[in-house]
């Protein structure tokens, strides 16, 4: 994502929600992304893709 795209997103969020709610929105976003990453890692381990990633990364 380029800096101009990020600027547009930040301005849009500020206009929609205001500066007071921005910290709450960011905390919620971080919690959601952490949970998604944790679930993705857990799912990869369960179906065995973790081993494949290790093999691919070693070849690089």
N, C-alpha and C. Protein backbone atom coordinates (compact mmCIF):
# COMPACT_ATOMS: atom_id res chain seq x y z
N UNK A 1 0.85 -1.16 0.00
CA UNK A 1 0.00 0.00 0.00
C UNK A 1 0.90 1.23 0.00
N UNK A 2 0.61 2.15 -0.90
CA UNK A 2 1.44 3.35 -0.99
C UNK A 2 1.05 4.37 0.08
N UNK A 3 1.89 5.34 0.26
CA UNK A 3 1.63 6.36 1.29
C UNK A 3 0.42 7.21 0.94
N UNK A 4 0.17 7.45 -0.34
CA UNK A 4 -1.00 8.25 -0.71
C UNK A 4 -2.30 7.49 -0.43
N UNK A 5 -2.29 6.18 -0.65
CA UNK A 5 -3.47 5.37 -0.34
C UNK A 5 -3.73 5.36 1.16
N UNK A 6 -2.67 5.23 1.93
CA UNK A 6 -2.79 5.23 3.38
C UNK A 6 -3.32 6.57 3.89
N UNK A 7 -2.86 7.65 3.30
CA UNK A 7 -3.33 8.99 3.68
C UNK A 7 -4.81 9.14 3.41
N UNK A 8 -5.26 8.68 2.26
CA UNK A 8 -6.68 8.75 1.91
C UNK A 8 -7.51 7.94 2.90
N UNK A 9 -7.05 6.76 3.26
CA UNK A 9 -7.77 5.92 4.21
C UNK A 9 -7.85 6.59 5.57
N UNK A 10 -6.75 7.15 6.04
CA UNK A 10 -6.74 7.83 7.35
C UNK A 10 -7.68 9.02 7.36
N UNK A 11 -7.67 9.82 6.31
CA UNK A 11 -8.57 10.97 6.23
C UNK A 11 -10.02 10.52 6.21
N UNK A 12 -10.31 9.46 5.45
CA UNK A 12 -11.69 8.96 5.38
C UNK A 12 -12.16 8.46 6.74
N UNK A 13 -11.30 7.74 7.45
CA UNK A 13 -11.66 7.23 8.78
C UNK A 13 -11.88 8.40 9.75
N UNK A 14 -11.04 9.39 9.69
CA UNK A 14 -11.21 10.56 10.56
C UNK A 14 -12.51 11.29 10.27
N UNK A 15 -12.85 11.41 9.01
CA UNK A 15 -14.10 12.08 8.64
C UNK A 15 -15.32 11.27 9.06
N UNK A 16 -15.23 9.95 8.91
CA UNK A 16 -16.37 9.10 9.25
C UNK A 16 -16.58 8.95 10.76
N UNK A 17 -15.50 8.76 11.51
CA UNK A 17 -15.63 8.41 12.91
C UNK A 17 -15.15 9.50 13.87
N UNK A 18 -14.38 10.43 13.41
CA UNK A 18 -13.85 11.47 14.27
C UNK A 18 -12.61 11.01 15.02
N UNK A 19 -11.88 11.96 15.54
CA UNK A 19 -10.62 11.67 16.21
C UNK A 19 -10.78 10.95 17.54
N UNK A 20 -11.92 11.14 18.19
CA UNK A 20 -12.12 10.52 19.51
C UNK A 20 -12.26 9.02 19.45
N UNK A 21 -12.88 8.52 18.39
CA UNK A 21 -13.10 7.07 18.28
C UNK A 21 -11.97 6.35 17.58
N UNK A 22 -11.03 7.09 17.00
CA UNK A 22 -9.95 6.48 16.25
C UNK A 22 -9.12 5.50 17.08
N UNK A 23 -8.70 5.83 18.30
CA UNK A 23 -7.94 4.85 19.09
C UNK A 23 -8.70 3.55 19.35
N UNK A 24 -10.00 3.68 19.61
CA UNK A 24 -10.83 2.49 19.84
C UNK A 24 -10.90 1.63 18.57
N UNK A 25 -11.05 2.27 17.44
CA UNK A 25 -11.13 1.55 16.16
C UNK A 25 -9.81 0.85 15.88
N UNK A 26 -8.69 1.53 16.12
CA UNK A 26 -7.38 0.92 15.88
C UNK A 26 -7.12 -0.26 16.81
N UNK A 27 -7.52 -0.14 18.08
CA UNK A 27 -7.36 -1.27 19.02
C UNK A 27 -8.16 -2.47 18.55
N UNK A 28 -9.38 -2.23 18.12
CA UNK A 28 -10.22 -3.31 17.62
C UNK A 28 -9.60 -3.95 16.38
N UNK A 29 -9.07 -3.12 15.48
CA UNK A 29 -8.43 -3.63 14.26
C UNK A 29 -7.24 -4.51 14.61
N UNK A 30 -6.42 -4.07 15.56
CA UNK A 30 -5.25 -4.85 15.96
C UNK A 30 -5.67 -6.18 16.57
N UNK A 31 -6.70 -6.17 17.42
CA UNK A 31 -7.19 -7.42 18.02
C UNK A 31 -7.66 -8.39 16.95
N UNK A 32 -8.39 -7.88 15.97
CA UNK A 32 -8.92 -8.73 14.90
C UNK A 32 -7.78 -9.33 14.08
N UNK A 33 -6.80 -8.50 13.69
CA UNK A 33 -5.71 -9.02 12.88
C UNK A 33 -4.86 -10.01 13.65
N UNK A 34 -4.64 -9.79 14.95
CA UNK A 34 -3.89 -10.77 15.76
C UNK A 34 -4.62 -12.10 15.81
N UNK A 35 -5.92 -12.03 16.03
CA UNK A 35 -6.72 -13.26 16.11
C UNK A 35 -6.72 -14.00 14.78
N UNK A 36 -6.85 -13.27 13.68
CA UNK A 36 -6.81 -13.91 12.36
C UNK A 36 -5.46 -14.56 12.11
N UNK A 37 -4.37 -13.87 12.46
CA UNK A 37 -3.04 -14.43 12.26
C UNK A 37 -2.84 -15.68 13.12
N UNK A 38 -3.32 -15.63 14.36
CA UNK A 38 -3.21 -16.79 15.26
C UNK A 38 -3.99 -17.97 14.71
N UNK A 39 -5.21 -17.72 14.24
CA UNK A 39 -6.03 -18.80 13.69
C UNK A 39 -5.42 -19.36 12.42
N UNK A 40 -4.86 -18.50 11.58
CA UNK A 40 -4.22 -18.94 10.35
C UNK A 40 -3.02 -19.85 10.65
N UNK A 41 -2.20 -19.46 11.61
CA UNK A 41 -1.05 -20.27 12.00
C UNK A 41 -1.50 -21.61 12.57
N UNK A 42 -2.52 -21.59 13.39
CA UNK A 42 -3.04 -22.83 13.98
C UNK A 42 -3.58 -23.76 12.89
N UNK A 43 -4.30 -23.20 11.93
CA UNK A 43 -4.84 -24.00 10.84
C UNK A 43 -3.73 -24.59 9.99
N UNK A 44 -2.68 -23.80 9.71
CA UNK A 44 -1.54 -24.32 8.94
C UNK A 44 -0.89 -25.49 9.65
N UNK A 45 -0.75 -25.41 10.96
CA UNK A 45 -0.16 -26.52 11.71
C UNK A 45 -1.03 -27.76 11.64
N UNK A 46 -2.35 -27.55 11.74
CA UNK A 46 -3.26 -28.69 11.75
C UNK A 46 -3.24 -29.45 10.43
N UNK A 47 -3.14 -28.75 9.32
CA UNK A 47 -3.21 -29.45 8.04
C UNK A 47 -1.83 -29.73 7.45
N UNK A 48 -0.77 -29.36 8.19
CA UNK A 48 0.58 -29.74 7.79
C UNK A 48 1.27 -28.79 6.83
N UNK A 49 0.73 -27.62 6.62
CA UNK A 49 1.38 -26.68 5.71
C UNK A 49 2.59 -26.01 6.34
N UNK A 50 2.70 -26.07 7.63
CA UNK A 50 3.85 -25.49 8.33
C UNK A 50 5.14 -26.12 7.85
N UNK A 51 5.12 -27.44 7.67
CA UNK A 51 6.31 -28.16 7.19
C UNK A 51 6.67 -27.74 5.77
N UNK A 52 5.66 -27.54 4.94
CA UNK A 52 5.90 -27.12 3.56
C UNK A 52 6.53 -25.73 3.52
N UNK A 53 6.03 -24.81 4.35
CA UNK A 53 6.60 -23.46 4.42
C UNK A 53 8.07 -23.52 4.84
N UNK A 54 8.40 -24.37 5.80
CA UNK A 54 9.79 -24.52 6.24
C UNK A 54 10.68 -24.99 5.10
N UNK A 55 10.21 -25.95 4.33
CA UNK A 55 10.99 -26.49 3.22
C UNK A 55 11.20 -25.41 2.15
N UNK A 56 10.15 -24.69 1.81
CA UNK A 56 10.23 -23.64 0.80
C UNK A 56 11.17 -22.53 1.26
N UNK A 57 11.09 -22.13 2.51
CA UNK A 57 11.93 -21.04 3.02
C UNK A 57 13.39 -21.44 3.07
N UNK A 58 13.70 -22.71 3.31
CA UNK A 58 15.09 -23.17 3.35
C UNK A 58 15.74 -23.10 1.98
N UNK A 59 14.96 -23.29 0.92
CA UNK A 59 15.50 -23.29 -0.43
C UNK A 59 15.87 -21.89 -0.90
N UNK A 60 15.33 -20.87 -0.30
CA UNK A 60 15.59 -19.48 -0.72
C UNK A 60 16.90 -19.02 -0.28
